[in-house]
Amino acid sequence: MKTEPKIPIPEFFKGRNVLITGASGFMGKILVEKLLRCCPEIGKIYIILRSRGDKSPKERWDEMTKLPVSVS
């Protein structure tokens, strides 16, 4: 079985647009942070957020971006 050559993550995402669902969850937050930090030449990151309870997607985004990402 032939394997494809491995491409570094920043090179793979260079100029590409990414759609992320679940960005307000634990893994989603880590993924967004990692892409922003490690892939400076990434295209656009599209994030789908839904309302939850009485909070609009905009309110959830504002809350999400105020909190630090922590994996400890």
N, C-alpha and C. Protein backbone atom coordinates (compact mmCIF):
# COMPACT_ATOMS: atom_id res chain seq x y z
N MET A 1 0.83 -1.17 0.00
CA MET A 1 0.00 0.00 0.00
C MET A 1 0.89 1.24 0.00
N LYS A 2 0.62 2.12 -0.90
CA LYS A 2 1.42 3.34 -1.07
C LYS A 2 0.90 4.42 -0.11
N THR A 3 1.80 5.07 0.61
CA THR A 3 1.40 6.15 1.51
C THR A 3 1.74 7.50 0.88
N GLU A 4 0.89 8.45 1.15
CA GLU A 4 1.12 9.81 0.66
C GLU A 4 2.20 10.48 1.50
N PRO A 5 2.98 11.37 0.90
CA PRO A 5 3.98 12.10 1.69
C PRO A 5 3.28 12.98 2.73
N LYS A 6 3.89 13.09 3.90
CA LYS A 6 3.30 13.89 4.97
C LYS A 6 3.57 15.36 4.72
N ILE A 7 2.54 16.17 4.92
CA ILE A 7 2.63 17.61 4.72
C ILE A 7 2.50 18.28 6.09
N PRO A 8 3.38 19.22 6.43
CA PRO A 8 3.24 19.93 7.71
C PRO A 8 1.88 20.64 7.77
N ILE A 9 1.31 20.69 8.95
CA ILE A 9 -0.02 21.28 9.13
C ILE A 9 -0.10 22.70 8.59
N PRO A 10 0.83 23.61 8.93
CA PRO A 10 0.72 24.97 8.39
C PRO A 10 0.71 25.01 6.86
N GLU A 11 1.51 24.15 6.25
CA GLU A 11 1.55 24.11 4.79
C GLU A 11 0.23 23.58 4.21
N PHE A 12 -0.34 22.57 4.87
CA PHE A 12 -1.60 21.99 4.41
C PHE A 12 -2.72 23.03 4.41
N PHE A 13 -2.80 23.86 5.46
CA PHE A 13 -3.89 24.83 5.59
C PHE A 13 -3.60 26.16 4.89
N LYS A 14 -2.40 26.35 4.35
CA LYS A 14 -2.03 27.60 3.70
C LYS A 14 -3.04 27.94 2.60
N GLY A 15 -3.68 29.10 2.75
CA GLY A 15 -4.63 29.58 1.76
C GLY A 15 -5.98 28.86 1.74
N ARG A 16 -6.16 27.89 2.60
CA ARG A 16 -7.43 27.14 2.62
C ARG A 16 -8.41 27.76 3.60
N ASN A 17 -9.68 27.67 3.26
CA ASN A 17 -10.75 28.08 4.16
C ASN A 17 -11.23 26.85 4.91
N VAL A 18 -11.64 27.06 6.18
CA VAL A 18 -12.05 25.95 7.03
C VAL A 18 -13.40 26.27 7.66
N LEU A 19 -14.28 25.28 7.69
CA LEU A 19 -15.58 25.39 8.35
C LEU A 19 -15.53 24.54 9.61
N ILE A 20 -15.84 25.16 10.75
CA ILE A 20 -15.81 24.45 12.02
C ILE A 20 -17.19 24.50 12.66
N THR A 21 -17.72 23.33 12.97
CA THR A 21 -18.95 23.25 13.76
C THR A 21 -18.53 22.82 15.16
N GLY A 22 -19.29 23.24 16.15
CA GLY A 22 -18.93 22.88 17.52
C GLY A 22 -17.77 23.68 18.07
N ALA A 23 -17.54 24.87 17.55
CA ALA A 23 -16.39 25.67 17.97
C ALA A 23 -16.50 26.16 19.41
N SER A 24 -17.68 26.15 19.99
CA SER A 24 -17.83 26.62 21.37
C SER A 24 -17.60 25.49 22.37
N GLY A 25 -17.44 24.27 21.90
CA GLY A 25 -17.15 23.13 22.78
C GLY A 25 -15.67 23.05 23.11
N PHE A 26 -15.33 22.12 23.98
CA PHE A 26 -13.96 21.97 24.44
C PHE A 26 -12.98 21.76 23.28
N MET A 27 -13.23 20.75 22.47
CA MET A 27 -12.32 20.45 21.36
C MET A 27 -12.36 21.54 20.29
N GLY A 28 -13.53 22.11 20.05
CA GLY A 28 -13.65 23.16 19.05
C GLY A 28 -12.82 24.38 19.39
N LYS A 29 -12.85 24.78 20.66
CA LYS A 29 -12.05 25.93 21.09
C LYS A 29 -10.56 25.67 20.89
N ILE A 30 -10.15 24.47 21.23
CA ILE A 30 -8.73 24.12 21.07
C ILE A 30 -8.35 24.12 19.59
N LEU A 31 -9.23 23.58 18.75
CA LEU A 31 -8.95 23.55 17.31
C LEU A 31 -8.82 24.96 16.74
N VAL A 32 -9.75 25.85 17.09
CA VAL A 32 -9.70 27.23 16.58
C VAL A 32 -8.41 27.90 17.04
N GLU A 33 -8.08 27.76 18.32
CA GLU A 33 -6.87 28.38 18.85
C GLU A 33 -5.63 27.83 18.15
N LYS A 34 -5.57 26.54 17.96
CA LYS A 34 -4.40 25.91 17.31
C LYS A 34 -4.24 26.39 15.87
N LEU A 35 -5.35 26.46 15.14
CA LEU A 35 -5.27 26.92 13.75
C LEU A 35 -4.81 28.38 13.68
N LEU A 36 -5.35 29.22 14.56
CA LEU A 36 -4.97 30.64 14.54
C LEU A 36 -3.51 30.83 14.94
N ARG A 37 -3.04 30.04 15.88
CA ARG A 37 -1.67 30.19 16.38
C ARG A 37 -0.64 29.56 15.44
N CYS A 38 -0.95 28.42 14.89
CA CYS A 38 0.06 27.66 14.14
C CYS A 38 -0.02 27.79 12.62
N CYS A 39 -1.10 28.36 12.12
CA CYS A 39 -1.28 28.44 10.66
C CYS A 39 -1.52 29.89 10.24
N PRO A 40 -0.46 30.71 10.28
CA PRO A 40 -0.64 32.14 9.99
C PRO A 40 -1.14 32.43 8.58
N GLU A 41 -0.96 31.51 7.65
CA GLU A 41 -1.38 31.75 6.28
C GLU A 41 -2.68 31.02 5.92
N ILE A 42 -3.43 30.61 6.93
CA ILE A 42 -4.72 29.96 6.68
C ILE A 42 -5.65 30.97 6.01
N GLY A 43 -6.56 30.48 5.21
CA GLY A 43 -7.54 31.36 4.57
C GLY A 43 -8.50 31.90 5.62
N LYS A 44 -9.77 31.65 5.44
CA LYS A 44 -10.78 32.08 6.41
C LYS A 44 -11.22 30.90 7.25
N ILE A 45 -11.58 31.20 8.49
CA ILE A 45 -12.16 30.19 9.37
C ILE A 45 -13.62 30.57 9.57
N TYR A 46 -14.51 29.71 9.12
CA TYR A 46 -15.94 29.92 9.30
C TYR A 46 -16.39 29.08 10.49
N ILE A 47 -17.12 29.72 11.40
CA ILE A 47 -17.59 29.03 12.60
C ILE A 47 -19.11 29.10 12.65
N ILE A 48 -19.72 27.95 12.84
CA ILE A 48 -21.18 27.89 12.97
C ILE A 48 -21.51 27.80 14.45
N LEU A 49 -22.24 28.78 14.94
CA LEU A 49 -22.72 28.78 16.32
C LEU A 49 -24.23 28.90 16.30
N ARG A 50 -24.89 28.17 17.18
CA ARG A 50 -26.34 28.28 17.28
C ARG A 50 -26.68 28.96 18.60
N SER A 51 -27.90 29.42 18.69
CA SER A 51 -28.33 30.00 19.96
C SER A 51 -28.48 28.87 20.97
N ARG A 52 -28.34 29.23 22.22
CA ARG A 52 -28.53 28.24 23.29
C ARG A 52 -29.21 28.96 24.45
N GLY A 53 -30.36 28.45 24.82
CA GLY A 53 -31.12 29.11 25.88
C GLY A 53 -31.54 30.49 25.41
N ASP A 54 -31.23 31.48 26.20
CA ASP A 54 -31.59 32.86 25.83
C ASP A 54 -30.43 33.62 25.18
N LYS A 55 -29.34 32.93 24.86
CA LYS A 55 -28.18 33.59 24.27
C LYS A 55 -28.15 33.40 22.76
N SER A 56 -27.92 34.50 22.06
CA SER A 56 -27.81 34.47 20.60
C SER A 56 -26.43 33.94 20.22
N PRO A 57 -26.25 33.53 18.97
CA PRO A 57 -24.91 33.11 18.54
C PRO A 57 -23.86 34.21 18.76
N LYS A 58 -24.24 35.46 18.53
CA LYS A 58 -23.31 36.59 18.74
C LYS A 58 -22.89 36.68 20.21
N GLU A 59 -23.85 36.54 21.12
CA GLU A 59 -23.52 36.60 22.54
C GLU A 59 -22.61 35.44 22.95
N ARG A 60 -22.88 34.26 22.41
CA ARG A 60 -22.03 33.11 22.70
C ARG A 60 -20.62 33.31 22.17
N TRP A 61 -20.50 33.89 20.97
CA TRP A 61 -19.19 34.17 20.39
C TRP A 61 -18.42 35.16 21.26
N ASP A 62 -19.11 36.23 21.67
CA ASP A 62 -18.46 37.24 22.52
C ASP A 62 -17.94 36.61 23.82
N GLU A 63 -18.75 35.75 24.43
CA GLU A 63 -18.31 35.08 25.66
C GLU A 63 -17.13 34.15 25.38
N MET A 64 -17.22 33.43 24.30
CA MET A 64 -16.18 32.46 23.95
C MET A 64 -14.83 33.13 23.72
N THR A 65 -14.82 34.27 23.07
CA THR A 65 -13.56 34.93 22.73
C THR A 65 -12.95 35.69 23.91
N LYS A 66 -13.71 35.86 24.98
CA LYS A 66 -13.17 36.53 26.17
C LYS A 66 -12.42 35.56 27.08
N LEU A 67 -12.73 34.28 26.97
CA LEU A 67 -12.12 33.29 27.86
C LEU A 67 -10.84 32.71 27.27
N PRO A 68 -9.83 32.49 28.11
CA PRO A 68 -8.62 31.85 27.61
C PRO A 68 -8.87 30.37 27.33
N VAL A 69 -8.10 29.81 26.43
CA VAL A 69 -8.17 28.37 26.16
C VAL A 69 -7.26 27.68 27.16
N SER A 70 -7.79 26.70 27.86
CA SER A 70 -7.00 25.99 28.86
C SER A 70 -7.20 24.49 28.69
N VAL A 71 -6.11 23.76 28.68
CA VAL A 71 -6.20 22.31 28.56
C VAL A 71 -5.67 21.61 29.80
N SER A 72 -5.45 22.36 30.87
CA SER A 72 -4.92 21.74 32.09
C SER A 72 -6.01 21.20 32.97
